[in-house]
Amino acid sequence: MTLQGRTPNEIYFNRSAANTKPRIETRPLANAETPGASPRTSIADKIDTKIRVRLEFLEGRKHLPIIHISRI
C-alpha cells in the first residue's frame, strides 16, 4: 500500500509502473475496446503480434522464475 501499486524495483530505479505502458495484444480479434486488466492501456503495436516467451529460474531455483518476452 505504501508503494501505491508500484513494485520495489519500479520505485528504486524510478521506472514507470508496467501496468501503465501500452500492452502487446496477441489476441487476433482484439481491438482497443477489448477488455483487459485494469488500468486500461492502449495497444502498443498491431493486433495479433507474435511473441516468444522464455522461462528461466534464478540459480536453478524453481521458486524464482525469470520470464523473458520478445516479439518475433
PDB file of N, CA and C in Angstrom:
ATOM      1  N   MET A   1       0.813  -1.191   0.000  1.00  0.00           N
ATOM      2  CA  MET A   1       0.000   0.000   0.000  1.00  0.00           C
ATOM      3  C   MET A   1       0.862   1.263   0.000  1.00  0.00           C
ATOM      4  N   THR A   2       1.955   1.236   0.694  1.00  0.00           N
ATOM      5  CA  THR A   2       2.770   2.439   0.769  1.00  0.00           C
ATOM      6  C   THR A   2       3.506   2.717  -0.537  1.00  0.00           C
ATOM      7  N   LEU A   3       3.588   1.717  -1.433  1.00  0.00           N
ATOM      8  CA  LEU A   3       4.242   1.920  -2.722  1.00  0.00           C
ATOM      9  C   LEU A   3       3.245   2.370  -3.794  1.00  0.00           C
ATOM     10  N   GLN A   4       1.982   2.514  -3.425  1.00  0.00           N
ATOM     11  CA  GLN A   4       0.924   2.979  -4.325  1.00  0.00           C
ATOM     12  C   GLN A   4       0.804   2.121  -5.585  1.00  0.00           C
ATOM     13  N   GLY A   5       0.867   0.811  -5.405  1.00  0.00           N
ATOM     14  CA  GLY A   5       0.672  -0.120  -6.516  1.00  0.00           C
ATOM     15  C   GLY A   5       1.903  -0.367  -7.363  1.00  0.00           C
ATOM     16  N   ARG A   6       3.022   0.247  -7.041  1.00  0.00           N
ATOM     17  CA  ARG A   6       4.258   0.038  -7.798  1.00  0.00           C
ATOM     18  C   ARG A   6       5.119  -1.001  -7.098  1.00  0.00           C
ATOM     19  N   THR A   7       6.005  -1.627  -7.861  1.00  0.00           N
ATOM     20  CA  THR A   7       6.903  -2.624  -7.274  1.00  0.00           C
ATOM     21  C   THR A   7       8.124  -1.928  -6.680  1.00  0.00           C
ATOM     22  N   PRO A   8       8.832  -2.597  -5.779  1.00  0.00           N
ATOM     23  CA  PRO A   8      10.061  -2.006  -5.239  1.00  0.00           C
ATOM     24  C   PRO A   8      11.065  -1.673  -6.348  1.00  0.00           C
ATOM     25  N   ASN A   9      11.143  -2.510  -7.369  1.00  0.00           N
ATOM     26  CA  ASN A   9      12.050  -2.266  -8.492  1.00  0.00           C
ATOM     27  C   ASN A   9      11.685  -0.971  -9.211  1.00  0.00           C
ATOM     28  N   GLU A  10      10.409  -0.753  -9.447  1.00  0.00           N
ATOM     29  CA  GLU A  10       9.957   0.476 -10.112  1.00  0.00           C
ATOM     30  C   GLU A  10      10.273   1.708  -9.269  1.00  0.00           C
ATOM     31  N   ILE A  11      10.136   1.600  -7.968  1.00  0.00           N
ATOM     32  CA  ILE A  11      10.444   2.714  -7.076  1.00  0.00           C
ATOM     33  C   ILE A  11      11.948   2.992  -7.069  1.00  0.00           C
ATOM     34  N   TYR A  12      12.750   1.955  -6.844  1.00  0.00           N
ATOM     35  CA  TYR A  12      14.197   2.123  -6.699  1.00  0.00           C
ATOM     36  C   TYR A  12      14.836   2.687  -7.966  1.00  0.00           C
ATOM     37  N   PHE A  13      14.440   2.153  -9.142  1.00  0.00           N
ATOM     38  CA  PHE A  13      15.034   2.584 -10.403  1.00  0.00           C
ATOM     39  C   PHE A  13      14.237   3.709 -11.073  1.00  0.00           C
ATOM     40  N   ASN A  14      13.247   4.254 -10.373  1.00  0.00           N
ATOM     41  CA  ASN A  14      12.419   5.354 -10.862  1.00  0.00           C
ATOM     42  C   ASN A  14      11.819   5.046 -12.240  1.00  0.00           C
ATOM     43  N   ARG A  15      11.228   3.862 -12.363  1.00  0.00           N
ATOM     44  CA  ARG A  15      10.610   3.424 -13.616  1.00  0.00           C
ATOM     45  C   ARG A  15       9.108   3.619 -13.546  1.00  0.00           C
ATOM     46  N   SER A  16       8.498   3.768 -14.721  1.00  0.00           N
ATOM     47  CA  SER A  16       7.040   3.824 -14.781  1.00  0.00           C
ATOM     48  C   SER A  16       6.472   2.456 -14.425  1.00  0.00           C
ATOM     49  N   ALA A  17       5.307   2.447 -13.828  1.00  0.00           N
ATOM     50  CA  ALA A  17       4.649   1.180 -13.495  1.00  0.00           C
ATOM     51  C   ALA A  17       4.342   0.423 -14.788  1.00  0.00           C
ATOM     52  N   ALA A  18       4.626  -0.867 -14.814  1.00  0.00           N
ATOM     53  CA  ALA A  18       4.441  -1.677 -16.019  1.00  0.00           C
ATOM     54  C   ALA A  18       2.988  -1.680 -16.489  1.00  0.00           C
ATOM     55  N   ASN A  19       2.044  -1.573 -15.554  1.00  0.00           N
ATOM     56  CA  ASN A  19       0.635  -1.629 -15.952  1.00  0.00           C
ATOM     57  C   ASN A  19       0.131  -0.315 -16.549  1.00  0.00           C
ATOM     58  N   THR A  20       1.001   0.677 -16.707  1.00  0.00           N
ATOM     59  CA  THR A  20       0.597   1.921 -17.354  1.00  0.00           C
ATOM     60  C   THR A  20       1.142   2.037 -18.781  1.00  0.00           C
ATOM     61  N   LYS A  21       1.998   1.099 -19.175  1.00  0.00           N
ATOM     62  CA  LYS A  21       2.592   1.124 -20.511  1.00  0.00           C
ATOM     63  C   LYS A  21       1.651   0.469 -21.516  1.00  0.00           C
ATOM     64  N   PRO A  22       1.750   0.847 -22.792  1.00  0.00           N
ATOM     65  CA  PRO A  22       0.919   0.199 -23.812  1.00  0.00           C
ATOM     66  C   PRO A  22       1.148  -1.317 -23.823  1.00  0.00           C
ATOM     67  N   ARG A  23       0.067  -2.058 -24.043  1.00  0.00           N
ATOM     68  CA  ARG A  23       0.157  -3.513 -23.979  1.00  0.00           C
ATOM     69  C   ARG A  23       0.419  -4.105 -25.366  1.00  0.00           C
ATOM     70  N   ILE A  24       1.033  -5.277 -25.395  1.00  0.00           N
ATOM     71  CA  ILE A  24       1.215  -6.034 -26.627  1.00  0.00           C
ATOM     72  C   ILE A  24       0.023  -6.978 -26.712  1.00  0.00           C
ATOM     73  N   GLU A  25      -0.780  -6.823 -27.731  1.00  0.00           N
ATOM     74  CA  GLU A  25      -2.010  -7.608 -27.870  1.00  0.00           C
ATOM     75  C   GLU A  25      -1.758  -8.794 -28.789  1.00  0.00           C
ATOM     76  N   THR A  26      -1.967 -10.004 -28.280  1.00  0.00           N
ATOM     77  CA  THR A  26      -1.751 -11.223 -29.061  1.00  0.00           C
ATOM     78  C   THR A  26      -3.045 -11.874 -29.525  1.00  0.00           C
ATOM     79  N   ARG A  27      -4.178 -11.388 -29.055  1.00  0.00           N
ATOM     80  CA  ARG A  27      -5.464 -11.969 -29.458  1.00  0.00           C
ATOM     81  C   ARG A  27      -5.858 -11.405 -30.821  1.00  0.00           C
ATOM     82  N   PRO A  28      -6.050 -12.268 -31.827  1.00  0.00           N
ATOM     83  CA  PRO A  28      -6.280 -11.780 -33.183  1.00  0.00           C
ATOM     84  C   PRO A  28      -7.545 -10.946 -33.375  1.00  0.00           C
ATOM     85  N   LEU A  29      -8.566 -11.140 -32.568  1.00  0.00           N
ATOM     86  CA  LEU A  29      -9.816 -10.399 -32.741  1.00  0.00           C
ATOM     87  C   LEU A  29      -9.935  -9.206 -31.798  1.00  0.00           C
ATOM     88  N   ALA A  30      -8.879  -8.918 -31.079  1.00  0.00           N
ATOM     89  CA  ALA A  30      -8.925  -7.834 -30.098  1.00  0.00           C
ATOM     90  C   ALA A  30      -8.842  -6.476 -30.781  1.00  0.00           C
ATOM     91  N   ASN A  31      -9.404  -5.483 -30.105  1.00  0.00           N
ATOM     92  CA  ASN A  31      -9.260  -4.097 -30.542  1.00  0.00           C
ATOM     93  C   ASN A  31      -9.104  -3.230 -29.297  1.00  0.00           C
ATOM     94  N   ALA A  32      -9.084  -1.945 -29.476  1.00  0.00           N
ATOM     95  CA  ALA A  32      -8.862  -1.042 -28.343  1.00  0.00           C
ATOM     96  C   ALA A  32      -9.944  -1.154 -27.277  1.00  0.00           C
ATOM     97  N   GLU A  33     -11.126  -1.638 -27.651  1.00  0.00           N
ATOM     98  CA  GLU A  33     -12.231  -1.754 -26.691  1.00  0.00           C
ATOM     99  C   GLU A  33     -12.293  -3.114 -26.001  1.00  0.00           C
ATOM    100  N   THR A  34     -11.449  -4.063 -26.410  1.00  0.00           N
ATOM    101  CA  THR A  34     -11.454  -5.393 -25.800  1.00  0.00           C
ATOM    102  C   THR A  34     -11.041  -5.265 -24.338  1.00  0.00           C
ATOM    103  N   PRO A  35     -11.819  -5.865 -23.427  1.00  0.00           N
ATOM    104  CA  PRO A  35     -11.487  -5.734 -22.010  1.00  0.00           C
ATOM    105  C   PRO A  35     -10.152  -6.378 -21.664  1.00  0.00           C
ATOM    106  N   GLY A  36      -9.474  -5.781 -20.739  1.00  0.00           N
ATOM    107  CA  GLY A  36      -8.223  -6.312 -20.215  1.00  0.00           C
ATOM    108  C   GLY A  36      -8.138  -5.948 -18.749  1.00  0.00           C
ATOM    109  N   ALA A  37      -6.999  -6.193 -18.172  1.00  0.00           N
ATOM    110  CA  ALA A  37      -6.813  -5.880 -16.758  1.00  0.00           C
ATOM    111  C   ALA A  37      -6.812  -4.369 -16.545  1.00  0.00           C
ATOM    112  N   SER A  38      -7.178  -3.963 -15.355  1.00  0.00           N
ATOM    113  CA  SER A  38      -7.154  -2.539 -15.009  1.00  0.00           C
ATOM    114  C   SER A  38      -5.747  -2.153 -14.582  1.00  0.00           C
ATOM    115  N   PRO A  39      -5.285  -0.965 -14.805  1.00  0.00           N
ATOM    116  CA  PRO A  39      -5.962   0.085 -15.548  1.00  0.00           C
ATOM    117  C   PRO A  39      -5.895  -0.175 -17.050  1.00  0.00           C
ATOM    118  N   ARG A  40      -6.861   0.382 -17.778  1.00  0.00           N
ATOM    119  CA  ARG A  40      -6.897   0.203 -19.227  1.00  0.00           C
ATOM    120  C   ARG A  40      -5.732   0.938 -19.862  1.00  0.00           C
ATOM    121  N   THR A  41      -5.070   0.285 -20.810  1.00  0.00           N
ATOM    122  CA  THR A  41      -3.954   0.907 -21.520  1.00  0.00           C
ATOM    123  C   THR A  41      -4.168   0.766 -23.017  1.00  0.00           C
ATOM    124  N   SER A  42      -3.428   1.535 -23.777  1.00  0.00           N
ATOM    125  CA  SER A  42      -3.533   1.449 -25.229  1.00  0.00           C
ATOM    126  C   SER A  42      -2.785   0.221 -25.739  1.00  0.00           C
ATOM    127  N   ILE A  43      -2.994  -0.097 -27.001  1.00  0.00           N
ATOM    128  CA  ILE A  43      -2.310  -1.227 -27.625  1.00  0.00           C
ATOM    129  C   ILE A  43      -1.012  -0.702 -28.234  1.00  0.00           C
ATOM    130  N   ALA A  44       0.114  -1.351 -27.927  1.00  0.00           N
ATOM    131  CA  ALA A  44       1.423  -0.871 -28.337  1.00  0.00           C
ATOM    132  C   ALA A  44       1.711  -1.079 -29.810  1.00  0.00           C
ATOM    133  N   ASP A  45       1.212  -2.127 -30.377  1.00  0.00           N
ATOM    134  CA  ASP A  45       1.595  -2.490 -31.735  1.00  0.00           C
ATOM    135  C   ASP A  45       0.374  -3.055 -32.429  1.00  0.00           C
ATOM    136  N   LYS A  46       0.565  -3.536 -33.638  1.00  0.00           N
ATOM    137  CA  LYS A  46      -0.553  -4.108 -34.370  1.00  0.00           C
ATOM    138  C   LYS A  46      -1.149  -5.294 -33.619  1.00  0.00           C
ATOM    139  N   ILE A  47      -2.401  -5.529 -33.855  1.00  0.00           N
ATOM    140  CA  ILE A  47      -3.092  -6.665 -33.250  1.00  0.00           C
ATOM    141  C   ILE A  47      -2.501  -7.950 -33.806  1.00  0.00           C
ATOM    142  N   ASP A  48      -2.554  -9.005 -33.056  1.00  0.00           N
ATOM    143  CA  ASP A  48      -2.078 -10.329 -33.461  1.00  0.00           C
ATOM    144  C   ASP A  48      -0.552 -10.389 -33.546  1.00  0.00           C
ATOM    145  N   THR A  49       0.127  -9.651 -32.687  1.00  0.00           N
ATOM    146  CA  THR A  49       1.577  -9.692 -32.627  1.00  0.00           C
ATOM    147  C   THR A  49       2.017 -11.048 -32.092  1.00  0.00           C
ATOM    148  N   LYS A  50       3.017 -11.622 -32.715  1.00  0.00           N
ATOM    149  CA  LYS A  50       3.566 -12.901 -32.254  1.00  0.00           C
ATOM    150  C   LYS A  50       4.649 -12.615 -31.219  1.00  0.00           C
ATOM    151  N   ILE A  51       4.649 -13.388 -30.151  1.00  0.00           N
ATOM    152  CA  ILE A  51       5.660 -13.213 -29.114  1.00  0.00           C
ATOM    153  C   ILE A  51       6.318 -14.544 -28.791  1.00  0.00           C
ATOM    154  N   ARG A  52       7.509 -14.452 -28.230  1.00  0.00           N
ATOM    155  CA  ARG A  52       8.232 -15.629 -27.747  1.00  0.00           C
ATOM    156  C   ARG A  52       8.391 -15.457 -26.240  1.00  0.00           C
ATOM    157  N   VAL A  53       8.096 -16.507 -25.502  1.00  0.00           N
ATOM    158  CA  VAL A  53       8.233 -16.482 -24.049  1.00  0.00           C
ATOM    159  C   VAL A  53       9.282 -17.523 -23.661  1.00  0.00           C
ATOM    160  N   ARG A  54      10.291 -17.073 -22.922  1.00  0.00           N
ATOM    161  CA  ARG A  54      11.347 -17.977 -22.468  1.00  0.00           C
ATOM    162  C   ARG A  54      11.385 -17.911 -20.949  1.00  0.00           C
ATOM    163  N   LEU A  55      11.411 -19.067 -20.333  1.00  0.00           N
ATOM    164  CA  LEU A  55      11.380 -19.157 -18.872  1.00  0.00           C
ATOM    165  C   LEU A  55      12.704 -19.705 -18.363  1.00  0.00           C
ATOM    166  N   GLU A  56      13.284 -19.014 -17.399  1.00  0.00           N
ATOM    167  CA  GLU A  56      14.492 -19.469 -16.706  1.00  0.00           C
ATOM    168  C   GLU A  56      14.219 -19.400 -15.211  1.00  0.00           C
ATOM    169  N   PHE A  57      15.117 -19.954 -14.448  1.00  0.00           N
ATOM    170  CA  PHE A  57      14.999 -19.875 -13.000  1.00  0.00           C
ATOM    171  C   PHE A  57      16.301 -19.343 -12.432  1.00  0.00           C
ATOM    172  N   LEU A  58      16.208 -18.398 -11.523  1.00  0.00           N
ATOM    173  CA  LEU A  58      17.380 -17.800 -10.906  1.00  0.00           C
ATOM    174  C   LEU A  58      18.170 -18.871 -10.175  1.00  0.00           C
ATOM    175  N   GLU A  59      19.400 -19.062 -10.597  1.00  0.00           N
ATOM    176  CA  GLU A  59      20.300 -20.047  -9.988  1.00  0.00           C
ATOM    177  C   GLU A  59      19.662 -21.428  -9.911  1.00  0.00           C
ATOM    178  N   GLY A  60      18.806 -21.765 -10.893  1.00  0.00           N
ATOM    179  CA  GLY A  60      18.171 -23.080 -10.931  1.00  0.00           C
ATOM    180  C   GLY A  60      17.097 -23.290  -9.875  1.00  0.00           C
ATOM    181  N   ARG A  61      16.702 -22.246  -9.192  1.00  0.00           N
ATOM    182  CA  ARG A  61      15.724 -22.360  -8.107  1.00  0.00           C
ATOM    183  C   ARG A  61      14.318 -22.170  -8.678  1.00  0.00           C
ATOM    184  N   LYS A  62      13.531 -23.228  -8.653  1.00  0.00           N
ATOM    185  CA  LYS A  62      12.205 -23.255  -9.299  1.00  0.00           C
ATOM    186  C   LYS A  62      11.223 -22.223  -8.750  1.00  0.00           C
ATOM    187  N   HIS A  63      11.427 -21.740  -7.554  1.00  0.00           N
ATOM    188  CA  HIS A  63      10.502 -20.766  -6.977  1.00  0.00           C
ATOM    189  C   HIS A  63      10.889 -19.324  -7.335  1.00  0.00           C
ATOM    190  N   LEU A  64      11.957 -19.153  -8.158  1.00  0.00           N
ATOM    191  CA  LEU A  64      12.392 -17.821  -8.569  1.00  0.00           C
ATOM    192  C   LEU A  64      12.433 -17.736 -10.097  1.00  0.00           C
ATOM    193  N   PRO A  65      11.269 -17.656 -10.738  1.00  0.00           N
ATOM    194  CA  PRO A  65      11.238 -17.644 -12.206  1.00  0.00           C
ATOM    195  C   PRO A  65      11.686 -16.297 -12.782  1.00  0.00           C
ATOM    196  N   ILE A  66      12.305 -16.382 -13.947  1.00  0.00           N
ATOM    197  CA  ILE A  66      12.657 -15.203 -14.732  1.00  0.00           C
ATOM    198  C   ILE A  66      11.992 -15.411 -16.097  1.00  0.00           C
ATOM    199  N   ILE A  67      11.134 -14.489 -16.481  1.00  0.00           N
ATOM    200  CA  ILE A  67      10.377 -14.618 -17.723  1.00  0.00           C
ATOM    201  C   ILE A  67      10.889 -13.586 -18.713  1.00  0.00           C
ATOM    202  N   HIS A  68      11.290 -14.048 -19.895  1.00  0.00           N
ATOM    203  CA  HIS A  68      11.753 -13.174 -20.973  1.00  0.00           C
ATOM    204  C   HIS A  68      10.695 -13.196 -22.070  1.00  0.00           C
ATOM    205  N   ILE A  69      10.213 -12.023 -22.476  1.00  0.00           N
ATOM    206  CA  ILE A  69       9.206 -11.926 -23.535  1.00  0.00           C
ATOM    207  C   ILE A  69       9.761 -11.044 -24.639  1.00  0.00           C
ATOM    208  N   SER A  70       9.678 -11.526 -25.878  1.00  0.00           N
ATOM    209  CA  SER A  70      10.143 -10.728 -27.008  1.00  0.00           C
ATOM    210  C   SER A  70       9.224 -10.924 -28.210  1.00  0.00           C
ATOM    211  N   ARG A  71       9.176  -9.917 -29.065  1.00  0.00           N
ATOM    212  CA  ARG A  71       8.392 -10.025 -30.303  1.00  0.00           C
ATOM    213  C   ARG A  71       9.160 -10.859 -31.311  1.00  0.00           C
ATOM    214  N   ILE A  72       8.431 -11.615 -32.128  1.00  0.00           N
ATOM    215  CA  ILE A  72       9.083 -12.373 -33.203  1.00  0.00           C
ATOM    216  C   ILE A  72       8.483 -11.991 -34.531  1.00  0.00           C
TER     217      ILE A  72
END
